[in-house]
Amino acid sequence: MAVARDVSVVLLAHHQRDQAETLLLQALRGAGAAGLAGMPRSVLRDGITWQRPWLDKPRTEIDAYLRRHRLKHIEDDSNADPRFARNRLRLQVWPALVGAFGHADASLAMSAGWAQQADTLLDEIAALDLAEAATDQGLQVATWLALSPARRSNALRAWIKQRHSAGAPASLIARLLDELPVQRSARWPLGHAELHLHRGVLRHASTATRSPNAPETRLSIHRAGTCALPGWAGTLQVERVREGGVPLAWLAQLELRARSGGEQFQAGPGRPPRSLKKQYQDAGVPMWDRSGPLMYSGGQLVFVPGLGLDARVIGLTGQPLVALRWLPLADNG
């Protein structure tokens, strides 16, 4: 509704007790500093600023104002539904809590404020640590391991949050803290994505779902550009180069095949052809980067995703040459 009416600010009526309830509910769920920080006073989301101007006001003060000025208001019927955890806390626990601790609302809301400051400080420390440990390739595990255990956990959570808006569950963070120092190559599921560890670098990758269509078996390339291959869940990028490329004539009638075993690939001029498994291992290509079709021309292997062009098809300088690059759907865009 706000977007449709071009509204830039929305005011929310949460008050001091709402904040106190939020902190207590988060504590009962085992939340960390971010959860215990409760609701922010102001947050920008989807181009709209959401503000809570009454967050430090007691509910009794708001009710008194309504009575004094005879203002009409609506009580949400769902606030009395005990199926919701907040309502059970409000209806069954809060009267006893306030009866025993009269300042519970103010005290717990104040604690949420302190937690907000602590959470902000943790974000600033994470930014400093990730400036050293994170690169465009991913999280450099050796640098990350040099941090203290507490900063290690904090930086890891922040790094995942930057790449996966939902963050990671506490169980996955605990598992990563245990396994990253001892694993050499591994992968961990994270919602509709995965975390990949290979050669000391932790990367975040979206998981692509292959098209229900059958994989393409033929492809004709006559110029530079991109060729979408939804059946193989990726795109082939074709780029003109001056040297080190394959002549366009090789690509006029390509045959696309899946790996079947026994394929031989020559990694460089003068080097012997070897099995794809050996070549992948020597090049350090992890299993998840070996997807995509093998491309043949006239029975000769031309291109292998993750390895590149077979040396036997490299053309001479001066010919119309192109380089090929396979982009899985997870890496497109």
C-alpha atoms as a PDB file:
ATOM      1  CA  MET A   1       0.000   0.000   0.000  1.00  0.00           C
ATOM      2  CA  ALA A   2       2.808   2.412   0.867  1.00  0.00           C
ATOM      3  CA  VAL A   3       4.624   1.711  -2.395  1.00  0.00           C
ATOM      4  CA  ALA A   4       1.426   2.068  -4.435  1.00  0.00           C
ATOM      5  CA  ARG A   5       0.785   5.502  -2.902  1.00  0.00           C
ATOM      6  CA  ASP A   6       4.425   6.627  -3.127  1.00  0.00           C
ATOM      7  CA  VAL A   7       4.692   6.940   0.665  1.00  0.00           C
ATOM      8  CA  SER A   8       8.253   7.373   1.927  1.00  0.00           C
ATOM      9  CA  VAL A   9       7.666   7.036   5.697  1.00  0.00           C
ATOM     10  CA  VAL A  10       5.411   4.678   7.675  1.00  0.00           C
ATOM     11  CA  LEU A  11       4.893   5.173  11.413  1.00  0.00           C
ATOM     12  CA  LEU A  12       4.401   2.055  13.539  1.00  0.00           C
ATOM     13  CA  ALA A  13       2.699   2.100  16.941  1.00  0.00           C
ATOM     14  CA  HIS A  14       5.032  -0.240  18.833  1.00  0.00           C
ATOM     15  CA  HIS A  15       5.639   0.943  22.382  1.00  0.00           C
ATOM     16  CA  GLN A  16       7.853   0.168  25.354  1.00  0.00           C
ATOM     17  CA  ARG A  17       6.102  -3.048  26.365  1.00  0.00           C
ATOM     18  CA  ASP A  18       6.241  -4.329  22.769  1.00  0.00           C
ATOM     19  CA  GLN A  19      10.007  -3.834  22.886  1.00  0.00           C
ATOM     20  CA  ALA A  20      10.263  -5.566  26.262  1.00  0.00           C
ATOM     21  CA  GLU A  21       8.203  -8.498  24.991  1.00  0.00           C
ATOM     22  CA  THR A  22      10.373  -8.766  21.888  1.00  0.00           C
ATOM     23  CA  LEU A  23      13.560  -8.979  23.944  1.00  0.00           C
ATOM     24  CA  LEU A  24      12.093 -11.651  26.224  1.00  0.00           C
ATOM     25  CA  LEU A  25      10.775 -13.714  23.309  1.00  0.00           C
ATOM     26  CA  GLN A  26      14.139 -13.549  21.557  1.00  0.00           C
ATOM     27  CA  ALA A  27      15.927 -14.565  24.750  1.00  0.00           C
ATOM     28  CA  LEU A  28      13.611 -17.581  25.092  1.00  0.00           C
ATOM     29  CA  ARG A  29      14.588 -18.543  21.527  1.00  0.00           C
ATOM     30  CA  GLY A  30      18.296 -18.371  22.390  1.00  0.00           C
ATOM     31  CA  ALA A  31      18.980 -15.295  20.244  1.00  0.00           C
ATOM     32  CA  GLY A  32      22.289 -13.448  20.165  1.00  0.00           C
ATOM     33  CA  ALA A  33      22.924  -9.719  20.328  1.00  0.00           C
ATOM     34  CA  ALA A  34      21.040  -8.980  17.104  1.00  0.00           C
ATOM     35  CA  GLY A  35      17.884 -10.691  18.407  1.00  0.00           C
ATOM     36  CA  LEU A  36      18.149  -9.214  21.890  1.00  0.00           C
ATOM     37  CA  ALA A  37      18.417  -5.756  20.310  1.00  0.00           C
ATOM     38  CA  GLY A  38      14.683  -6.005  19.654  1.00  0.00           C
ATOM     39  CA  MET A  39      13.028  -3.624  17.202  1.00  0.00           C
ATOM     40  CA  PRO A  40      14.970  -0.687  15.746  1.00  0.00           C
ATOM     41  CA  ARG A  41      13.577   2.805  16.156  1.00  0.00           C
ATOM     42  CA  SER A  42      14.021   3.451  12.425  1.00  0.00           C
ATOM     43  CA  VAL A  43      14.896   1.195   9.486  1.00  0.00           C
ATOM     44  CA  LEU A  44      14.973   1.681   5.710  1.00  0.00           C
ATOM     45  CA  ARG A  45      13.488  -1.231   3.767  1.00  0.00           C
ATOM     46  CA  ASP A  46      12.264  -1.400   0.156  1.00  0.00           C
ATOM     47  CA  GLY A  47      12.766   2.345  -0.217  1.00  0.00           C
ATOM     48  CA  ILE A  48      10.477   3.121   2.737  1.00  0.00           C
ATOM     49  CA  THR A  49      11.544   4.390   6.159  1.00  0.00           C
ATOM     50  CA  TRP A  50       9.733   2.500   8.942  1.00  0.00           C
ATOM     51  CA  GLN A  51       9.747   4.483  12.195  1.00  0.00           C
ATOM     52  CA  ARG A  52       8.590   3.667  15.729  1.00  0.00           C
ATOM     53  CA  PRO A  53       8.236   7.051  17.462  1.00  0.00           C
ATOM     54  CA  TRP A  54       6.595   5.587  20.613  1.00  0.00           C
ATOM     55  CA  LEU A  55       9.142   2.860  21.284  1.00  0.00           C
ATOM     56  CA  ASP A  56      10.180   4.422  24.617  1.00  0.00           C
ATOM     57  CA  LYS A  57       6.614   5.324  25.672  1.00  0.00           C
ATOM     58  CA  PRO A  58       4.665   3.115  28.137  1.00  0.00           C
ATOM     59  CA  ARG A  59       1.368   1.691  26.941  1.00  0.00           C
ATOM     60  CA  THR A  60      -0.419   3.368  29.868  1.00  0.00           C
ATOM     61  CA  GLU A  61       0.705   6.790  28.638  1.00  0.00           C
ATOM     62  CA  ILE A  62      -0.658   6.120  25.156  1.00  0.00           C
ATOM     63  CA  ASP A  63      -3.981   4.833  26.536  1.00  0.00           C
ATOM     64  CA  ALA A  64      -4.316   7.942  28.731  1.00  0.00           C
ATOM     65  CA  TYR A  65      -3.756  10.200  25.717  1.00  0.00           C
ATOM     66  CA  LEU A  66      -6.450   8.375  23.751  1.00  0.00           C
ATOM     67  CA  ARG A  67      -8.974   8.776  26.597  1.00  0.00           C
ATOM     68  CA  ARG A  68      -8.116  12.408  27.193  1.00  0.00           C
ATOM     69  CA  HIS A  69      -8.598  13.369  23.533  1.00  0.00           C
ATOM     70  CA  ARG A  70     -11.396  10.844  22.897  1.00  0.00           C
ATOM     71  CA  LEU A  71      -9.565   9.373  19.910  1.00  0.00           C
ATOM     72  CA  LYS A  72     -11.060   6.367  18.169  1.00  0.00           C
ATOM     73  CA  HIS A  73      -8.786   3.405  17.648  1.00  0.00           C
ATOM     74  CA  ILE A  74      -8.938  -0.255  16.658  1.00  0.00           C
ATOM     75  CA  GLU A  75      -7.944  -3.206  18.835  1.00  0.00           C
ATOM     76  CA  ASP A  76      -6.699  -6.086  16.691  1.00  0.00           C
ATOM     77  CA  ASP A  77      -8.735  -9.197  17.547  1.00  0.00           C
ATOM     78  CA  SER A  78      -5.713 -11.417  16.915  1.00  0.00           C
ATOM     79  CA  ASN A  79      -3.995  -9.898  19.977  1.00  0.00           C
ATOM     80  CA  ALA A  80      -6.118 -12.222  22.134  1.00  0.00           C
ATOM     81  CA  ASP A  81      -5.329 -15.401  20.193  1.00  0.00           C
ATOM     82  CA  PRO A  82      -3.188 -17.678  22.441  1.00  0.00           C
ATOM     83  CA  ARG A  83      -1.861 -19.587  19.425  1.00  0.00           C
ATOM     84  CA  PHE A  84       0.720 -16.827  19.016  1.00  0.00           C
ATOM     85  CA  ALA A  85       3.733 -16.897  21.348  1.00  0.00           C
ATOM     86  CA  ARG A  86       3.625 -13.135  21.960  1.00  0.00           C
ATOM     87  CA  ASN A  87       0.000 -13.325  23.040  1.00  0.00           C
ATOM     88  CA  ARG A  88       0.689 -16.209  25.442  1.00  0.00           C
ATOM     89  CA  LEU A  89       3.506 -14.187  26.942  1.00  0.00           C
ATOM     90  CA  ARG A  90       1.326 -11.082  27.158  1.00  0.00           C
ATOM     91  CA  LEU A  91      -1.785 -12.762  28.576  1.00  0.00           C
ATOM     92  CA  GLN A  92      -0.365 -15.486  30.820  1.00  0.00           C
ATOM     93  CA  VAL A  93       3.149 -14.427  31.851  1.00  0.00           C
ATOM     94  CA  TRP A  94       3.289 -10.661  31.770  1.00  0.00           C
ATOM     95  CA  PRO A  95       0.772  -9.926  34.548  1.00  0.00           C
ATOM     96  CA  ALA A  96       2.786 -12.091  36.962  1.00  0.00           C
ATOM     97  CA  LEU A  97       6.095 -10.625  35.767  1.00  0.00           C
ATOM     98  CA  VAL A  98       4.963  -7.033  36.226  1.00  0.00           C
ATOM     99  CA  GLY A  99       3.379  -7.958  39.563  1.00  0.00           C
ATOM    100  CA  ALA A 100       6.745  -9.215  40.812  1.00  0.00           C
ATOM    101  CA  PHE A 101       8.893  -6.611  39.007  1.00  0.00           C
ATOM    102  CA  GLY A 102       6.993  -3.375  38.552  1.00  0.00           C
ATOM    103  CA  HIS A 103       9.570  -1.836  36.217  1.00  0.00           C
ATOM    104  CA  ALA A 104       9.898  -4.865  33.927  1.00  0.00           C
ATOM    105  CA  ASP A 105       8.712  -2.958  30.844  1.00  0.00           C
ATOM    106  CA  ALA A 106      11.235  -0.144  31.218  1.00  0.00           C
ATOM    107  CA  SER A 107      14.110  -2.366  32.380  1.00  0.00           C
ATOM    108  CA  LEU A 108      13.799  -4.898  29.557  1.00  0.00           C
ATOM    109  CA  ALA A 109      13.351  -2.162  26.953  1.00  0.00           C
ATOM    110  CA  MET A 110      16.494  -0.505  28.314  1.00  0.00           C
ATOM    111  CA  SER A 111      18.352  -3.807  27.966  1.00  0.00           C
ATOM    112  CA  ALA A 112      17.267  -3.961  24.331  1.00  0.00           C
ATOM    113  CA  GLY A 113      18.822  -0.530  23.849  1.00  0.00           C
ATOM    114  CA  TRP A 114      22.137  -1.742  25.270  1.00  0.00           C
ATOM    115  CA  ALA A 115      21.966  -4.800  23.016  1.00  0.00           C
ATOM    116  CA  GLN A 116      21.460  -2.501  20.015  1.00  0.00           C
ATOM    117  CA  GLN A 117      24.675  -0.689  20.877  1.00  0.00           C
ATOM    118  CA  ALA A 118      26.512  -4.006  21.298  1.00  0.00           C
ATOM    119  CA  ASP A 119      25.180  -5.263  17.958  1.00  0.00           C
ATOM    120  CA  THR A 120      26.340  -2.093  16.201  1.00  0.00           C
ATOM    121  CA  LEU A 121      29.783  -2.510  17.734  1.00  0.00           C
ATOM    122  CA  LEU A 122      29.936  -6.149  16.551  1.00  0.00           C
ATOM    123  CA  ASP A 123      29.107  -4.984  13.007  1.00  0.00           C
ATOM    124  CA  GLU A 124      31.954  -2.459  13.119  1.00  0.00           C
ATOM    125  CA  ILE A 125      34.425  -5.088  14.351  1.00  0.00           C
ATOM    126  CA  ALA A 126      33.269  -7.522  11.665  1.00  0.00           C
ATOM    127  CA  ALA A 127      33.837  -4.870   8.983  1.00  0.00           C
ATOM    128  CA  LEU A 128      37.419  -4.400  10.188  1.00  0.00           C
ATOM    129  CA  ASP A 129      38.096  -8.143  10.256  1.00  0.00           C
ATOM    130  CA  LEU A 130      36.498  -8.827   6.864  1.00  0.00           C
ATOM    131  CA  ALA A 131      38.543  -6.041   5.278  1.00  0.00           C
ATOM    132  CA  GLU A 132      41.498  -8.391   5.819  1.00  0.00           C
ATOM    133  CA  ALA A 133      39.882 -11.832   5.520  1.00  0.00           C
ATOM    134  CA  ALA A 134      37.373 -11.382   2.673  1.00  0.00           C
ATOM    135  CA  THR A 135      38.200 -10.843  -1.015  1.00  0.00           C
ATOM    136  CA  ASP A 136      36.261 -10.988  -4.274  1.00  0.00           C
ATOM    137  CA  GLN A 137      37.007 -14.736  -4.356  1.00  0.00           C
ATOM    138  CA  GLY A 138      35.517 -15.406  -0.930  1.00  0.00           C
ATOM    139  CA  LEU A 139      36.478 -15.732   2.717  1.00  0.00           C
ATOM    140  CA  GLN A 140      40.197 -16.504   3.091  1.00  0.00           C
ATOM    141  CA  VAL A 141      40.130 -19.188   5.763  1.00  0.00           C
ATOM    142  CA  ALA A 142      43.788 -18.867   6.855  1.00  0.00           C
ATOM    143  CA  THR A 143      43.367 -15.143   7.592  1.00  0.00           C
ATOM    144  CA  TRP A 144      40.019 -15.776   9.262  1.00  0.00           C
ATOM    145  CA  LEU A 145      41.553 -18.473  11.504  1.00  0.00           C
ATOM    146  CA  ALA A 146      44.055 -15.935  12.834  1.00  0.00           C
ATOM    147  CA  LEU A 147      41.190 -14.139  14.605  1.00  0.00           C
ATOM    148  CA  SER A 148      40.155 -14.910  18.162  1.00  0.00           C
ATOM    149  CA  PRO A 149      37.282 -17.440  18.462  1.00  0.00           C
ATOM    150  CA  ALA A 150      34.745 -14.730  19.299  1.00  0.00           C
ATOM    151  CA  ARG A 151      35.795 -12.483  16.383  1.00  0.00           C
ATOM    152  CA  ARG A 152      35.948 -15.526  14.111  1.00  0.00           C
ATOM    153  CA  SER A 153      32.296 -16.342  14.847  1.00  0.00           C
ATOM    154  CA  ASN A 154      31.254 -12.710  14.496  1.00  0.00           C
ATOM    155  CA  ALA A 155      33.061 -12.243  11.155  1.00  0.00           C
ATOM    156  CA  LEU A 156      31.671 -15.485   9.752  1.00  0.00           C
ATOM    157  CA  ARG A 157      28.085 -14.526  10.592  1.00  0.00           C
ATOM    158  CA  ALA A 158      28.588 -11.069   9.066  1.00  0.00           C
ATOM    159  CA  TRP A 159      30.194 -12.462   5.891  1.00  0.00           C
ATOM    160  CA  ILE A 160      27.314 -14.902   5.341  1.00  0.00           C
ATOM    161  CA  LYS A 161      24.755 -12.158   6.072  1.00  0.00           C
ATOM    162  CA  GLN A 162      26.293  -9.953   3.369  1.00  0.00           C
ATOM    163  CA  ARG A 163      25.799 -12.694   0.775  1.00  0.00           C
ATOM    164  CA  HIS A 164      22.675 -14.406   2.089  1.00  0.00           C
ATOM    165  CA  SER A 165      20.152 -11.895   3.422  1.00  0.00           C
ATOM    166  CA  ALA A 166      18.481 -14.454   5.675  1.00  0.00           C
ATOM    167  CA  GLY A 167      21.805 -15.160   7.391  1.00  0.00           C
ATOM    168  CA  ALA A 168      22.712 -18.610   8.674  1.00  0.00           C
ATOM    169  CA  PRO A 169      21.122 -20.606  11.507  1.00  0.00           C
ATOM    170  CA  ALA A 170      23.129 -20.989  14.700  1.00  0.00           C
ATOM    171  CA  SER A 171      23.513 -24.713  14.030  1.00  0.00           C
ATOM    172  CA  LEU A 172      25.292 -24.048  10.718  1.00  0.00           C
ATOM    173  CA  ILE A 173      27.551 -21.398  12.270  1.00  0.00           C
ATOM    174  CA  ALA A 174      28.573 -23.878  14.995  1.00  0.00           C
ATOM    175  CA  ARG A 175      29.235 -26.555  12.393  1.00  0.00           C
ATOM    176  CA  LEU A 176      31.334 -24.215  10.248  1.00  0.00           C
ATOM    177  CA  LEU A 177      33.380 -23.100  13.250  1.00  0.00           C
ATOM    178  CA  ASP A 178      34.198 -26.764  13.937  1.00  0.00           C
ATOM    179  CA  GLU A 179      34.730 -27.952  10.356  1.00  0.00           C
ATOM    180  CA  LEU A 180      36.390 -25.055   8.498  1.00  0.00           C
ATOM    181  CA  PRO A 181      39.705 -25.385  10.402  1.00  0.00           C
ATOM    182  CA  VAL A 182      40.069 -29.082   9.492  1.00  0.00           C
ATOM    183  CA  GLN A 183      38.363 -29.481   6.092  1.00  0.00           C
ATOM    184  CA  ARG A 184      40.181 -29.011   2.787  1.00  0.00           C
ATOM    185  CA  SER A 185      37.229 -29.246   0.413  1.00  0.00           C
ATOM    186  CA  ALA A 186      33.578 -29.339   1.471  1.00  0.00           C
ATOM    187  CA  ARG A 187      30.148 -27.878   0.873  1.00  0.00           C
ATOM    188  CA  TRP A 188      27.278 -26.919   3.177  1.00  0.00           C
ATOM    189  CA  PRO A 189      23.639 -26.246   2.166  1.00  0.00           C
ATOM    190  CA  LEU A 190      22.216 -22.826   3.020  1.00  0.00           C
ATOM    191  CA  GLY A 191      18.622 -22.347   1.923  1.00  0.00           C
ATOM    192  CA  HIS A 192      18.592 -21.987  -1.860  1.00  0.00           C
ATOM    193  CA  ALA A 193      22.367 -21.617  -1.857  1.00  0.00           C
ATOM    194  CA  GLU A 194      25.505 -23.449  -0.780  1.00  0.00           C
ATOM    195  CA  LEU A 195      28.788 -22.623   0.889  1.00  0.00           C
ATOM    196  CA  HIS A 196      31.793 -24.128  -0.903  1.00  0.00           C
ATOM    197  CA  LEU A 197      35.248 -24.598   0.611  1.00  0.00           C
ATOM    198  CA  HIS A 198      38.121 -25.250  -1.779  1.00  0.00           C
ATOM    199  CA  ARG A 199      41.836 -24.513  -1.466  1.00  0.00           C
ATOM    200  CA  GLY A 200      41.389 -22.358   1.596  1.00  0.00           C
ATOM    201  CA  VAL A 201      38.603 -20.155   0.247  1.00  0.00           C
ATOM    202  CA  LEU A 202      34.964 -20.253   1.380  1.00  0.00           C
ATOM    203  CA  ARG A 203      32.521 -19.142  -1.297  1.00  0.00           C
ATOM    204  CA  HIS A 204      28.776 -18.557  -1.422  1.00  0.00           C
ATOM    205  CA  ALA A 205      26.956 -19.892  -4.488  1.00  0.00           C
ATOM    206  CA  SER A 206      23.304 -19.979  -5.460  1.00  0.00           C
ATOM    207  CA  THR A 207      22.003 -23.398  -6.434  1.00  0.00           C
ATOM    208  CA  ALA A 208      20.576 -23.485  -9.950  1.00  0.00           C
ATOM    209  CA  THR A 209      17.758 -25.767 -10.962  1.00  0.00           C
ATOM    210  CA  ARG A 210      18.226 -27.314 -14.384  1.00  0.00           C
ATOM    211  CA  SER A 211      15.492 -26.665 -16.935  1.00  0.00           C
ATOM    212  CA  PRO A 212      12.935 -29.463 -17.313  1.00  0.00           C
ATOM    213  CA  ASN A 213      13.820 -29.425 -21.030  1.00  0.00           C
ATOM    214  CA  ALA A 214      16.244 -32.060 -22.276  1.00  0.00           C
ATOM    215  CA  PRO A 215      19.874 -30.848 -22.526  1.00  0.00           C
ATOM    216  CA  GLU A 216      20.757 -29.438 -25.933  1.00  0.00           C
ATOM    217  CA  THR A 217      22.857 -31.759 -28.134  1.00  0.00           C
ATOM    218  CA  ARG A 218      23.799 -29.387 -31.000  1.00  0.00           C
ATOM    219  CA  LEU A 219      25.069 -25.830 -31.186  1.00  0.00           C
ATOM    220  CA  SER A 220      26.249 -23.599 -34.048  1.00  0.00           C
ATOM    221  CA  ILE A 221      28.411 -20.565 -33.301  1.00  0.00           C
ATOM    222  CA  HIS A 222      29.307 -18.049 -36.024  1.00  0.00           C
ATOM    223  CA  ARG A 223      30.099 -14.899 -34.037  1.00  0.00           C
ATOM    224  CA  ALA A 224      30.970 -13.589 -30.583  1.00  0.00           C
ATOM    225  CA  GLY A 225      28.174 -13.257 -28.031  1.00  0.00           C
ATOM    226  CA  THR A 226      26.320 -15.455 -25.568  1.00  0.00           C
ATOM    227  CA  CYS A 227      24.489 -18.715 -26.151  1.00  0.00           C
ATOM    228  CA  ALA A 228      21.878 -19.698 -23.568  1.00  0.00           C
ATOM    229  CA  LEU A 229      21.692 -23.434 -22.913  1.00  0.00           C
ATOM    230  CA  PRO A 230      18.814 -23.839 -20.412  1.00  0.00           C
ATOM    231  CA  GLY A 231      18.918 -27.620 -20.680  1.00  0.00           C
ATOM    232  CA  TRP A 232      22.432 -27.487 -19.252  1.00  0.00           C
ATOM    233  CA  ALA A 233      21.518 -24.743 -16.710  1.00  0.00           C
ATOM    234  CA  GLY A 234      23.999 -22.240 -18.050  1.00  0.00           C
ATOM    235  CA  THR A 235      25.262 -19.915 -20.760  1.00  0.00           C
ATOM    236  CA  LEU A 236      28.254 -20.124 -23.081  1.00  0.00           C
ATOM    237  CA  GLN A 237      30.126 -16.865 -23.480  1.00  0.00           C
ATOM    238  CA  VAL A 238      31.983 -16.374 -26.788  1.00  0.00           C
ATOM    239  CA  GLU A 239      34.568 -13.584 -26.948  1.00  0.00           C
ATOM    240  CA  ARG A 240      36.923 -12.542 -29.757  1.00  0.00           C
ATOM    241  CA  VAL A 241      40.635 -12.797 -28.903  1.00  0.00           C
ATOM    242  CA  ARG A 242      43.880 -12.159 -30.782  1.00  0.00           C
ATOM    243  CA  GLU A 243      45.633 -15.315 -29.623  1.00  0.00           C
ATOM    244  CA  GLY A 244      45.025 -18.462 -27.613  1.00  0.00           C
ATOM    245  CA  GLY A 245      41.537 -18.985 -29.059  1.00  0.00           C
ATOM    246  CA  VAL A 246      39.794 -21.504 -31.262  1.00  0.00           C
ATOM    247  CA  PRO A 247      39.047 -20.668 -34.924  1.00  0.00           C
ATOM    248  CA  LEU A 248      35.357 -19.939 -35.479  1.00  0.00           C
ATOM    249  CA  ALA A 249      35.311 -22.652 -38.146  1.00  0.00           C
ATOM    250  CA  TRP A 250      35.635 -25.275 -35.386  1.00  0.00           C
ATOM    251  CA  LEU A 251      32.388 -24.038 -33.810  1.00  0.00           C
ATOM    252  CA  ALA A 252      30.024 -24.145 -36.789  1.00  0.00           C
ATOM    253  CA  GLN A 253      28.702 -27.596 -35.849  1.00  0.00           C
ATOM    254  CA  LEU A 254      29.290 -28.453 -32.203  1.00  0.00           C
ATOM    255  CA  GLU A 255      28.096 -31.598 -30.475  1.00  0.00           C
ATOM    256  CA  LEU A 256      27.246 -31.267 -26.768  1.00  0.00           C
ATOM    257  CA  ARG A 257      27.750 -34.277 -24.530  1.00  0.00           C
ATOM    258  CA  ALA A 258      27.763 -35.134 -20.841  1.00  0.00           C
ATOM    259  CA  ARG A 259      30.835 -36.785 -19.333  1.00  0.00           C
ATOM    260  CA  SER A 260      30.784 -40.533 -19.846  1.00  0.00           C
ATOM    261  CA  GLY A 261      34.320 -41.463 -18.765  1.00  0.00           C
ATOM    262  CA  GLY A 262      37.493 -41.964 -20.736  1.00  0.00           C
ATOM    263  CA  GLU A 263      37.618 -38.440 -22.243  1.00  0.00           C
ATOM    264  CA  GLN A 264      41.135 -37.118 -22.902  1.00  0.00           C
ATOM    265  CA  PHE A 265      41.985 -33.407 -22.606  1.00  0.00           C
ATOM    266  CA  GLN A 266      45.239 -31.681 -23.600  1.00  0.00           C
ATOM    267  CA  ALA A 267      45.895 -28.789 -21.235  1.00  0.00           C
ATOM    268  CA  GLY A 268      48.629 -27.075 -23.241  1.00  0.00           C
ATOM    269  CA  PRO A 269      50.762 -27.326 -26.420  1.00  0.00           C
ATOM    270  CA  GLY A 270      53.286 -30.138 -26.191  1.00  0.00           C
ATOM    271  CA  ARG A 271      51.644 -31.617 -23.111  1.00  0.00           C
ATOM    272  CA  PRO A 272      50.198 -35.128 -23.276  1.00  0.00           C
ATOM    273  CA  PRO A 273      46.432 -35.623 -23.300  1.00  0.00           C
ATOM    274  CA  ARG A 274      45.199 -36.915 -19.935  1.00  0.00           C
ATOM    275  CA  SER A 275      41.888 -37.960 -18.429  1.00  0.00           C
ATOM    276  CA  LEU A 276      39.482 -35.229 -17.388  1.00  0.00           C
ATOM    277  CA  LYS A 277      39.641 -36.427 -13.783  1.00  0.00           C
ATOM    278  CA  LYS A 278      43.434 -35.925 -13.685  1.00  0.00           C
ATOM    279  CA  GLN A 279      43.214 -32.567 -15.433  1.00  0.00           C
ATOM    280  CA  TYR A 280      40.529 -31.334 -13.038  1.00  0.00           C
ATOM    281  CA  GLN A 281      42.629 -32.431 -10.071  1.00  0.00           C
ATOM    282  CA  ASP A 282      45.799 -30.771 -11.400  1.00  0.00           C
ATOM    283  CA  ALA A 283      43.936 -27.537 -12.128  1.00  0.00           C
ATOM    284  CA  GLY A 284      42.270 -27.564  -8.708  1.00  0.00           C
ATOM    285  CA  VAL A 285      38.744 -27.408 -10.126  1.00  0.00           C
ATOM    286  CA  PRO A 286      36.234 -28.446  -7.429  1.00  0.00           C
ATOM    287  CA  MET A 287      33.390 -30.833  -8.210  1.00  0.00           C
ATOM    288  CA  TRP A 288      30.739 -28.081  -8.248  1.00  0.00           C
ATOM    289  CA  ASP A 289      32.614 -26.176 -11.010  1.00  0.00           C
ATOM    290  CA  ARG A 290      32.658 -29.170 -13.374  1.00  0.00           C
ATOM    291  CA  SER A 291      29.074 -28.855 -14.594  1.00  0.00           C
ATOM    292  CA  GLY A 292      28.107 -28.088 -18.169  1.00  0.00           C
ATOM    293  CA  PRO A 293      28.475 -29.819 -21.529  1.00  0.00           C
ATOM    294  CA  LEU A 294      31.619 -31.147 -23.170  1.00  0.00           C
ATOM    295  CA  MET A 295      31.815 -29.642 -26.668  1.00  0.00           C
ATOM    296  CA  TYR A 296      33.052 -31.598 -29.675  1.00  0.00           C
ATOM    297  CA  SER A 297      33.637 -30.703 -33.304  1.00  0.00           C
ATOM    298  CA  GLY A 298      34.107 -33.505 -35.826  1.00  0.00           C
ATOM    299  CA  GLY A 299      34.768 -35.919 -32.973  1.00  0.00           C
ATOM    300  CA  GLN A 300      37.524 -33.733 -31.468  1.00  0.00           C
ATOM    301  CA  LEU A 301      37.042 -32.431 -27.925  1.00  0.00           C
ATOM    302  CA  VAL A 302      37.032 -28.623 -28.188  1.00  0.00           C
ATOM    303  CA  PHE A 303      35.973 -27.213 -24.818  1.00  0.00           C
ATOM    304  CA  VAL A 304      35.556 -28.447 -21.236  1.00  0.00           C
ATOM    305  CA  PRO A 305      33.797 -26.302 -18.577  1.00  0.00           C
ATOM    306  CA  GLY A 306      36.264 -25.507 -15.810  1.00  0.00           C
ATOM    307  CA  LEU A 307      39.306 -26.314 -17.970  1.00  0.00           C
ATOM    308  CA  GLY A 308      38.793 -24.331 -21.162  1.00  0.00           C
ATOM    309  CA  LEU A 309      39.880 -25.061 -24.722  1.00  0.00           C
ATOM    310  CA  ASP A 310      41.718 -28.233 -25.628  1.00  0.00           C
ATOM    311  CA  ALA A 311      45.218 -27.286 -26.840  1.00  0.00           C
ATOM    312  CA  ARG A 312      44.712 -29.263 -30.047  1.00  0.00           C
ATOM    313  CA  VAL A 313      42.151 -26.753 -31.337  1.00  0.00           C
ATOM    314  CA  ILE A 314      44.072 -23.552 -30.540  1.00  0.00           C
ATOM    315  CA  GLY A 315      44.444 -21.543 -33.774  1.00  0.00           C
ATOM    316  CA  LEU A 316      47.275 -19.435 -35.136  1.00  0.00           C
ATOM    317  CA  THR A 317      47.540 -15.699 -34.541  1.00  0.00           C
ATOM    318  CA  GLY A 318      45.894 -13.834 -37.404  1.00  0.00           C
ATOM    319  CA  GLN A 319      42.933 -16.192 -37.709  1.00  0.00           C
ATOM    320  CA  PRO A 320      39.446 -15.210 -36.472  1.00  0.00           C
ATOM    321  CA  LEU A 321      39.778 -16.638 -32.944  1.00  0.00           C
ATOM    322  CA  VAL A 322      37.395 -16.756 -29.997  1.00  0.00           C
ATOM    323  CA  ALA A 323      37.653 -17.799 -26.361  1.00  0.00           C
ATOM    324  CA  LEU A 324      34.882 -19.741 -24.656  1.00  0.00           C
ATOM    325  CA  ARG A 325      33.679 -19.479 -21.081  1.00  0.00           C
ATOM    326  CA  TRP A 326      30.951 -21.526 -19.381  1.00  0.00           C
ATOM    327  CA  LEU A 327      28.702 -19.650 -16.922  1.00  0.00           C
ATOM    328  CA  PRO A 328      26.400 -21.790 -14.764  1.00  0.00           C
ATOM    329  CA  LEU A 329      23.040 -20.177 -13.969  1.00  0.00           C
ATOM    330  CA  ALA A 330      24.244 -19.559 -10.398  1.00  0.00           C
ATOM    331  CA  ASP A 331      26.970 -17.252 -11.770  1.00  0.00           C
ATOM    332  CA  ASN A 332      24.952 -15.408 -14.441  1.00  0.00           C
ATOM    333  CA  GLY A 333      23.916 -11.791 -14.094  1.00  0.00           C
END
